[in-house]
Each structure stands twice: as C-alpha cells, then as structure tokens.
Amino acid sequence: MQVLHVNRSQPRTVVINGKEIYTGIYKEPVTGPVRVNKLTLEDDVQIDRRYHGGEYQAVYAYPMEHYAHWEKALGVPSFPPGMFGENLTTQGLLETEVFIGDILRAGGVVMQVTSARIPCSKLGHKLNKPAILKSFLQSGFSGFYLRVVEEGTISAGTEVEIIERDPLKVSVRDLLGMQRLGEGNRASLEKVMEIEALAPLARKDLVAILKKSR
C-alpha cells in the first residue's frame, strides 16, 4: 500500500449550467515532501466549505486502481494523477477493504478514514460528462476522506500502513451504499452511527435516512 502521487489544487473559475464557479477540484502532482496539517495539505485550496474540507474531510484519497475503469468508460487514453480531485492517489487501499474509523500512517502523517466521497457537479464538469455522477456512485469507486490525527509531511512513493482497524468493520463501500444507494437496514445504519470518526456530513445523511424509515 502506498501513496503514488500527492496532488495540490490549481484553482480556477469554470462555468457550470451558465454559472461561474471558483473550484479547487483541479489538482496537479507535487514533487518533494508536502506538509499536511489538521485541515488540509500545505498550499492546497478548498473552496466550498459546506461540502469540502474541515477537520473530517481534510484529505481526499482516490485509488489508482479505478483509473483504468474510468478511462475505458469515458474513452480517454489516460488520465493524469489528481483527475478526480484527490490529494492522494493511492495503491492498495480499496473502498471494499478500508473501514470507516481505520487509522493509517503515511510517512510522518497519521490519518483516520471518515467517509466516502459524494461527487458534485464540479466532477462531472471536469470529466466533461455531467451525467457521470450517478454511475460514479453506482460504481462504488468513491475514494474516501480522512481527518489528520498527527500532522507531518508526505511525499509520492510513501508507504501506507493501517495501524489500527475499526472494530465495527464498516467499509467505505458499505457506507456509500447506505448514504446514496438505498442499501443496508436500520440495524446497519445504527451500527455506522456508533463510529466516532464518522464525518458529520455522512452522519447527517444517515440520521435523515433513519427518520424516514420510522
């Protein structure tokens, strides 16, 4: 398991549905070590703080294993690292195998998995495929957010170690299914709510789903 690329924002203004939007989803690889603090990577930019950034979404990781799937689906020869807006392009950390609450060490940084990534219109615009959001969710290839437990530096090629497994064993893919794909039942939803590390936005979604299921 390792970090293949560390990516930082190259923010720009784009036009989506006739509206100008300033976004940090455009990211490019960085050479050399990068400082990771409690809220983000040094010199990274998080624009819409309602849905991005904050303590529980400080770092976004996306598996390189999924790149081939999207290249084939979209008819693109290859995508550059950071194409999905991720800070860390990883290898060996799949959504079906990583649990919400797991604690990872990468270089001098310790991070905890907090939620799946729910895509927004900016991703569809960047991929030149606005309708991709549904298939992105259904694929289960969401990537995941992390909070920073211990600040430090990280660089491309850094090995990643899972130093603590969450005992409830709810995978990132499990959570995504409950949040957006109508999967799970009341018992499984309540189980996820017990995970202290669960990101507030994900918790809010699950609370709303539980209320509807009464």
C-alpha atoms as a PDB file:
ATOM      1  CA  MET A   1       0.000   0.000   0.000  1.00  0.00           C
ATOM      2  CA  GLN A   2       1.377   3.361  -0.908  1.00  0.00           C
ATOM      3  CA  VAL A   3       0.803   6.945  -1.973  1.00  0.00           C
ATOM      4  CA  LEU A   4       1.647   7.108  -5.671  1.00  0.00           C
ATOM      5  CA  HIS A   5       1.098  10.852  -6.066  1.00  0.00           C
ATOM      6  CA  VAL A   6       0.494  13.854  -3.824  1.00  0.00           C
ATOM      7  CA  ASN A   7      -1.667  16.448  -5.582  1.00  0.00           C
ATOM      8  CA  ARG A   8      -2.433  20.088  -4.808  1.00  0.00           C
ATOM      9  CA  SER A   9      -5.056  22.470  -6.165  1.00  0.00           C
ATOM     10  CA  GLN A  10      -4.666  24.677  -9.189  1.00  0.00           C
ATOM     11  CA  PRO A  11      -7.883  26.645  -8.554  1.00  0.00           C
ATOM     12  CA  ARG A  12      -9.782  28.223 -11.423  1.00  0.00           C
ATOM     13  CA  THR A  13     -13.151  29.616 -12.419  1.00  0.00           C
ATOM     14  CA  VAL A  14     -15.366  27.394 -14.569  1.00  0.00           C
ATOM     15  CA  VAL A  15     -18.864  27.789 -15.964  1.00  0.00           C
ATOM     16  CA  ILE A  16     -21.392  25.140 -14.916  1.00  0.00           C
ATOM     17  CA  ASN A  17     -25.006  25.463 -16.049  1.00  0.00           C
ATOM     18  CA  GLY A  18     -24.337  29.059 -17.031  1.00  0.00           C
ATOM     19  CA  LYS A  19     -22.947  29.993 -13.630  1.00  0.00           C
ATOM     20  CA  GLU A  20     -19.340  30.940 -12.884  1.00  0.00           C
ATOM     21  CA  ILE A  21     -17.919  28.771 -10.092  1.00  0.00           C
ATOM     22  CA  TYR A  22     -14.496  29.002  -8.478  1.00  0.00           C
ATOM     23  CA  THR A  23     -13.231  25.491  -7.751  1.00  0.00           C
ATOM     24  CA  GLY A  24     -10.225  23.680  -6.342  1.00  0.00           C
ATOM     25  CA  ILE A  25     -11.016  20.299  -7.941  1.00  0.00           C
ATOM     26  CA  TYR A  26      -8.251  20.788 -10.497  1.00  0.00           C
ATOM     27  CA  LYS A  27      -5.126  19.304  -8.914  1.00  0.00           C
ATOM     28  CA  GLU A  28      -1.627  18.503 -10.104  1.00  0.00           C
ATOM     29  CA  PRO A  29       1.129  16.269  -8.670  1.00  0.00           C
ATOM     30  CA  VAL A  30       3.728  17.793  -6.374  1.00  0.00           C
ATOM     31  CA  THR A  31       7.381  16.785  -6.222  1.00  0.00           C
ATOM     32  CA  GLY A  32       9.078  16.500  -2.863  1.00  0.00           C
ATOM     33  CA  PRO A  33       7.606  16.402   0.653  1.00  0.00           C
ATOM     34  CA  VAL A  34       4.366  18.242   1.433  1.00  0.00           C
ATOM     35  CA  ARG A  35       3.256  19.369   4.873  1.00  0.00           C
ATOM     36  CA  VAL A  36      -0.128  18.039   5.973  1.00  0.00           C
ATOM     37  CA  ASN A  37      -1.892  19.938   8.735  1.00  0.00           C
ATOM     38  CA  LYS A  38      -5.171  19.399  10.549  1.00  0.00           C
ATOM     39  CA  LEU A  39      -7.306  20.962   7.813  1.00  0.00           C
ATOM     40  CA  THR A  40      -5.520  20.367   4.516  1.00  0.00           C
ATOM     41  CA  LEU A  41      -2.253  19.963   2.630  1.00  0.00           C
ATOM     42  CA  GLU A  42       0.016  22.987   2.654  1.00  0.00           C
ATOM     43  CA  ASP A  43      -0.939  25.358  -0.203  1.00  0.00           C
ATOM     44  CA  ASP A  44      -3.962  23.257  -1.165  1.00  0.00           C
ATOM     45  CA  VAL A  45      -7.266  25.088  -1.668  1.00  0.00           C
ATOM     46  CA  GLN A  46     -10.763  24.042  -0.555  1.00  0.00           C
ATOM     47  CA  ILE A  47     -13.383  26.419  -1.891  1.00  0.00           C
ATOM     48  CA  ASP A  48     -16.899  25.353  -0.889  1.00  0.00           C
ATOM     49  CA  ARG A  49     -16.503  24.594   2.808  1.00  0.00           C
ATOM     50  CA  ARG A  50     -20.103  23.398   3.094  1.00  0.00           C
ATOM     51  CA  TYR A  51     -19.148  20.125   1.425  1.00  0.00           C
ATOM     52  CA  HIS A  52     -15.340  20.091   1.239  1.00  0.00           C
ATOM     53  CA  GLY A  53     -12.620  20.473   3.795  1.00  0.00           C
ATOM     54  CA  GLY A  54     -12.866  20.856   7.522  1.00  0.00           C
ATOM     55  CA  GLU A  55     -11.417  18.527  10.132  1.00  0.00           C
ATOM     56  CA  TYR A  56     -13.237  15.418   8.908  1.00  0.00           C
ATOM     57  CA  GLN A  57     -12.561  15.970   5.208  1.00  0.00           C
ATOM     58  CA  ALA A  58      -9.046  17.363   5.391  1.00  0.00           C
ATOM     59  CA  VAL A  59      -7.532  14.925   2.875  1.00  0.00           C
ATOM     60  CA  TYR A  60      -9.150  13.077  -0.023  1.00  0.00           C
ATOM     61  CA  ALA A  61      -7.658   9.799  -1.272  1.00  0.00           C
ATOM     62  CA  TYR A  62      -8.532   8.026  -4.520  1.00  0.00           C
ATOM     63  CA  PRO A  63      -7.291   4.594  -5.663  1.00  0.00           C
ATOM     64  CA  MET A  64      -5.233   4.490  -8.855  1.00  0.00           C
ATOM     65  CA  GLU A  65      -6.813   1.069  -9.471  1.00  0.00           C
ATOM     66  CA  HIS A  66     -10.005   2.835 -10.621  1.00  0.00           C
ATOM     67  CA  TYR A  67      -8.351   4.991 -13.253  1.00  0.00           C
ATOM     68  CA  ALA A  68      -8.450   2.236 -15.900  1.00  0.00           C
ATOM     69  CA  HIS A  69     -12.192   1.784 -15.379  1.00  0.00           C
ATOM     70  CA  TRP A  70     -12.964   5.456 -15.985  1.00  0.00           C
ATOM     71  CA  GLU A  71     -10.535   5.767 -18.890  1.00  0.00           C
ATOM     72  CA  LYS A  72     -12.337   2.909 -20.629  1.00  0.00           C
ATOM     73  CA  ALA A  73     -15.813   4.177 -19.702  1.00  0.00           C
ATOM     74  CA  LEU A  74     -15.070   7.681 -20.975  1.00  0.00           C
ATOM     75  CA  GLY A  75     -12.957   6.688 -23.970  1.00  0.00           C
ATOM     76  CA  VAL A  76      -9.860   8.510 -22.742  1.00  0.00           C
ATOM     77  CA  PRO A  77      -6.361   7.031 -23.308  1.00  0.00           C
ATOM     78  CA  SER A  78      -5.145   8.065 -19.863  1.00  0.00           C
ATOM     79  CA  PHE A  79      -5.914  10.467 -17.041  1.00  0.00           C
ATOM     80  CA  PRO A  80      -3.215  12.394 -15.155  1.00  0.00           C
ATOM     81  CA  PRO A  81      -2.881  11.959 -11.366  1.00  0.00           C
ATOM     82  CA  GLY A  82      -5.316  14.087  -9.410  1.00  0.00           C
ATOM     83  CA  MET A  83      -8.001  13.796 -12.088  1.00  0.00           C
ATOM     84  CA  PHE A  84     -10.711  13.060  -9.549  1.00  0.00           C
ATOM     85  CA  GLY A  85      -9.747  15.951  -7.305  1.00  0.00           C
ATOM     86  CA  GLU A  86      -7.837  13.765  -4.878  1.00  0.00           C
ATOM     87  CA  ASN A  87      -4.980  14.936  -2.693  1.00  0.00           C
ATOM     88  CA  LEU A  88      -3.528  11.431  -2.564  1.00  0.00           C
ATOM     89  CA  THR A  89      -3.570   8.988  -5.457  1.00  0.00           C
ATOM     90  CA  THR A  90      -3.137   5.641  -3.710  1.00  0.00           C
ATOM     91  CA  GLN A  91      -2.478   1.992  -4.460  1.00  0.00           C
ATOM     92  CA  GLY A  92      -3.737  -0.951  -2.424  1.00  0.00           C
ATOM     93  CA  LEU A  93      -6.413   0.911  -0.456  1.00  0.00           C
ATOM     94  CA  LEU A  94      -9.772  -0.042  -1.956  1.00  0.00           C
ATOM     95  CA  GLU A  95     -13.168   1.079  -0.674  1.00  0.00           C
ATOM     96  CA  THR A  96     -14.261  -2.514  -0.047  1.00  0.00           C
ATOM     97  CA  GLU A  97     -11.243  -3.161   2.166  1.00  0.00           C
ATOM     98  CA  VAL A  98     -10.838   0.108   4.079  1.00  0.00           C
ATOM     99  CA  PHE A  99     -13.089   0.653   7.105  1.00  0.00           C
ATOM    100  CA  ILE A 100     -14.569   3.892   8.412  1.00  0.00           C
ATOM    101  CA  GLY A 101     -12.504   4.659  11.510  1.00  0.00           C
ATOM    102  CA  ASP A 102      -9.335   2.906  10.311  1.00  0.00           C
ATOM    103  CA  ILE A 103      -6.153   4.758  11.231  1.00  0.00           C
ATOM    104  CA  LEU A 104      -3.376   4.960   8.620  1.00  0.00           C
ATOM    105  CA  ARG A 105       0.224   6.079   8.782  1.00  0.00           C
ATOM    106  CA  ALA A 106       1.795   7.529   5.647  1.00  0.00           C
ATOM    107  CA  GLY A 107       5.251   8.997   6.094  1.00  0.00           C
ATOM    108  CA  GLY A 108       5.082  11.374   9.042  1.00  0.00           C
ATOM    109  CA  VAL A 109       1.299  11.739   8.879  1.00  0.00           C
ATOM    110  CA  VAL A 110      -1.318   9.744  10.786  1.00  0.00           C
ATOM    111  CA  MET A 111      -4.850   9.920   9.364  1.00  0.00           C
ATOM    112  CA  GLN A 112      -8.243   8.375  10.059  1.00  0.00           C
ATOM    113  CA  VAL A 113     -10.847   7.343   7.489  1.00  0.00           C
ATOM    114  CA  THR A 114     -14.078   9.292   7.993  1.00  0.00           C
ATOM    115  CA  SER A 115     -16.376   8.911   4.972  1.00  0.00           C
ATOM    116  CA  ALA A 116     -16.904   8.092   1.318  1.00  0.00           C
ATOM    117  CA  ARG A 117     -16.744  10.892  -1.253  1.00  0.00           C
ATOM    118  CA  ILE A 118     -20.110  12.029  -2.617  1.00  0.00           C
ATOM    119  CA  PRO A 119     -19.493  13.605  -6.062  1.00  0.00           C
ATOM    120  CA  CYS A 120     -20.797  17.009  -7.118  1.00  0.00           C
ATOM    121  CA  SER A 121     -21.338  18.799 -10.424  1.00  0.00           C
ATOM    122  CA  LYS A 122     -17.730  20.008 -10.491  1.00  0.00           C
ATOM    123  CA  LEU A 123     -16.528  16.445 -11.055  1.00  0.00           C
ATOM    124  CA  GLY A 124     -18.957  15.977 -13.944  1.00  0.00           C
ATOM    125  CA  HIS A 125     -17.745  19.234 -15.466  1.00  0.00           C
ATOM    126  CA  LYS A 126     -14.084  18.315 -15.086  1.00  0.00           C
ATOM    127  CA  LEU A 127     -14.632  14.935 -16.759  1.00  0.00           C
ATOM    128  CA  ASN A 128     -16.766  16.613 -19.448  1.00  0.00           C
ATOM    129  CA  LYS A 129     -19.551  14.210 -18.522  1.00  0.00           C
ATOM    130  CA  PRO A 130     -22.235  15.849 -16.330  1.00  0.00           C
ATOM    131  CA  ALA A 131     -24.279  12.624 -16.275  1.00  0.00           C
ATOM    132  CA  ILE A 132     -21.421  10.651 -14.727  1.00  0.00           C
ATOM    133  CA  LEU A 133     -22.422  11.387 -11.129  1.00  0.00           C
ATOM    134  CA  LYS A 134     -24.951   8.557 -10.989  1.00  0.00           C
ATOM    135  CA  SER A 135     -22.589   5.971 -12.461  1.00  0.00           C
ATOM    136  CA  PHE A 136     -19.791   7.271 -10.219  1.00  0.00           C
ATOM    137  CA  LEU A 137     -21.922   6.466  -7.180  1.00  0.00           C
ATOM    138  CA  GLN A 138     -23.124   3.138  -8.526  1.00  0.00           C
ATOM    139  CA  SER A 139     -19.578   2.019  -9.330  1.00  0.00           C
ATOM    140  CA  GLY A 140     -18.623   2.191  -5.662  1.00  0.00           C
ATOM    141  CA  PHE A 141     -15.353   3.805  -6.729  1.00  0.00           C
ATOM    142  CA  SER A 142     -15.792   6.821  -4.478  1.00  0.00           C
ATOM    143  CA  GLY A 143     -12.449   7.212  -2.802  1.00  0.00           C
ATOM    144  CA  PHE A 144     -12.530   8.346   0.816  1.00  0.00           C
ATOM    145  CA  TYR A 145     -11.924  11.286   3.125  1.00  0.00           C
ATOM    146  CA  LEU A 146      -9.522  11.381   6.040  1.00  0.00           C
ATOM    147  CA  ARG A 147      -9.017  13.523   9.108  1.00  0.00           C
ATOM    148  CA  VAL A 148      -5.471  14.254  10.248  1.00  0.00           C
ATOM    149  CA  VAL A 149      -4.657  12.737  13.634  1.00  0.00           C
ATOM    150  CA  GLU A 150      -0.983  13.698  13.629  1.00  0.00           C
ATOM    151  CA  GLU A 151       0.417  16.386  11.346  1.00  0.00           C
ATOM    152  CA  GLY A 152       3.567  15.759   9.339  1.00  0.00           C
ATOM    153  CA  THR A 153       4.951  15.506   5.830  1.00  0.00           C
ATOM    154  CA  ILE A 154       4.141  13.147   2.991  1.00  0.00           C
ATOM    155  CA  SER A 155       5.532  12.596  -0.485  1.00  0.00           C
ATOM    156  CA  ALA A 156       4.961  10.495  -3.582  1.00  0.00           C
ATOM    157  CA  GLY A 157       6.092   6.918  -3.075  1.00  0.00           C
ATOM    158  CA  THR A 158       5.370   6.932   0.665  1.00  0.00           C
ATOM    159  CA  GLU A 159       4.323   3.574   2.045  1.00  0.00           C
ATOM    160  CA  VAL A 160       0.955   3.426   3.821  1.00  0.00           C
ATOM    161  CA  GLU A 161       0.327   1.245   6.856  1.00  0.00           C
ATOM    162  CA  ILE A 162      -3.019   0.575   8.513  1.00  0.00           C
ATOM    163  CA  ILE A 163      -2.017   0.846  12.158  1.00  0.00           C
ATOM    164  CA  GLU A 164      -5.474   0.407  13.678  1.00  0.00           C
ATOM    165  CA  ARG A 165      -8.597  -1.272  12.336  1.00  0.00           C
ATOM    166  CA  ASP A 166     -12.011  -0.048  13.420  1.00  0.00           C
ATOM    167  CA  PRO A 167     -13.703  -2.916  15.289  1.00  0.00           C
ATOM    168  CA  LEU A 168     -17.126  -2.398  13.639  1.00  0.00           C
ATOM    169  CA  LYS A 169     -15.641  -3.144  10.190  1.00  0.00           C
ATOM    170  CA  VAL A 170     -17.939  -0.921   8.128  1.00  0.00           C
ATOM    171  CA  SER A 171     -16.199  -0.428   4.810  1.00  0.00           C
ATOM    172  CA  VAL A 172     -16.161   2.799   2.814  1.00  0.00           C
ATOM    173  CA  ARG A 173     -18.240   0.989   0.197  1.00  0.00           C
ATOM    174  CA  ASP A 174     -20.755  -0.102   2.851  1.00  0.00           C
ATOM    175  CA  LEU A 175     -21.200   3.498   3.968  1.00  0.00           C
ATOM    176  CA  LEU A 176     -21.598   4.765   0.408  1.00  0.00           C
ATOM    177  CA  GLY A 177     -24.316   2.178  -0.188  1.00  0.00           C
ATOM    178  CA  MET A 178     -26.225   3.298   2.883  1.00  0.00           C
ATOM    179  CA  GLN A 179     -25.866   7.009   2.111  1.00  0.00           C
ATOM    180  CA  ARG A 180     -26.784   7.022  -1.564  1.00  0.00           C
ATOM    181  CA  LEU A 181     -27.723   3.603  -2.943  1.00  0.00           C
ATOM    182  CA  GLY A 182     -30.553   2.513  -0.660  1.00  0.00           C
ATOM    183  CA  GLU A 183     -28.560  -0.345   0.807  1.00  0.00           C
ATOM    184  CA  GLY A 184     -28.476  -1.602   4.378  1.00  0.00           C
ATOM    185  CA  ASN A 185     -31.203  -1.711   7.001  1.00  0.00           C
ATOM    186  CA  ARG A 186     -31.966   0.082  10.240  1.00  0.00           C
ATOM    187  CA  ALA A 187     -29.582  -2.117  12.217  1.00  0.00           C
ATOM    188  CA  SER A 188     -26.677  -1.486   9.857  1.00  0.00           C
ATOM    189  CA  LEU A 189     -27.374   2.257   9.772  1.00  0.00           C
ATOM    190  CA  GLU A 190     -27.411   2.417  13.560  1.00  0.00           C
ATOM    191  CA  LYS A 191     -24.164   0.440  13.625  1.00  0.00           C
ATOM    192  CA  VAL A 192     -22.409   3.023  11.462  1.00  0.00           C
ATOM    193  CA  MET A 193     -23.675   5.811  13.722  1.00  0.00           C
ATOM    194  CA  GLU A 194     -21.649   4.261  16.557  1.00  0.00           C
ATOM    195  CA  ILE A 195     -18.371   5.068  14.775  1.00  0.00           C
ATOM    196  CA  GLU A 196     -16.963   8.144  16.453  1.00  0.00           C
ATOM    197  CA  ALA A 197     -14.794   9.017  13.442  1.00  0.00           C
ATOM    198  CA  LEU A 198     -17.763   9.244  11.053  1.00  0.00           C
ATOM    199  CA  ALA A 199     -17.768  12.604   9.263  1.00  0.00           C
ATOM    200  CA  PRO A 200     -20.579  14.976  10.298  1.00  0.00           C
ATOM    201  CA  LEU A 201     -21.972  15.252   6.747  1.00  0.00           C
ATOM    202  CA  ALA A 202     -22.240  11.473   6.475  1.00  0.00           C
ATOM    203  CA  ARG A 203     -23.805  11.274   9.926  1.00  0.00           C
ATOM    204  CA  LYS A 204     -26.365  13.909   8.907  1.00  0.00           C
ATOM    205  CA  ASP A 205     -27.330  11.823   5.853  1.00  0.00           C
ATOM    206  CA  LEU A 206     -27.789   8.692   7.936  1.00  0.00           C
ATOM    207  CA  VAL A 207     -29.868  10.485  10.539  1.00  0.00           C
ATOM    208  CA  ALA A 208     -32.213  11.691   7.770  1.00  0.00           C
ATOM    209  CA  ILE A 209     -32.470   8.166   6.332  1.00  0.00           C
ATOM    210  CA  LEU A 210     -33.248   6.712   9.763  1.00  0.00           C
ATOM    211  CA  LYS A 211     -36.002   9.272  10.324  1.00  0.00           C
ATOM    212  CA  LYS A 212     -37.624   8.345   7.008  1.00  0.00           C
ATOM    213  CA  SER A 213     -37.517   4.655   7.889  1.00  0.00           C
ATOM    214  CA  ARG A 214     -39.669   5.023  11.002  1.00  0.00           C
END
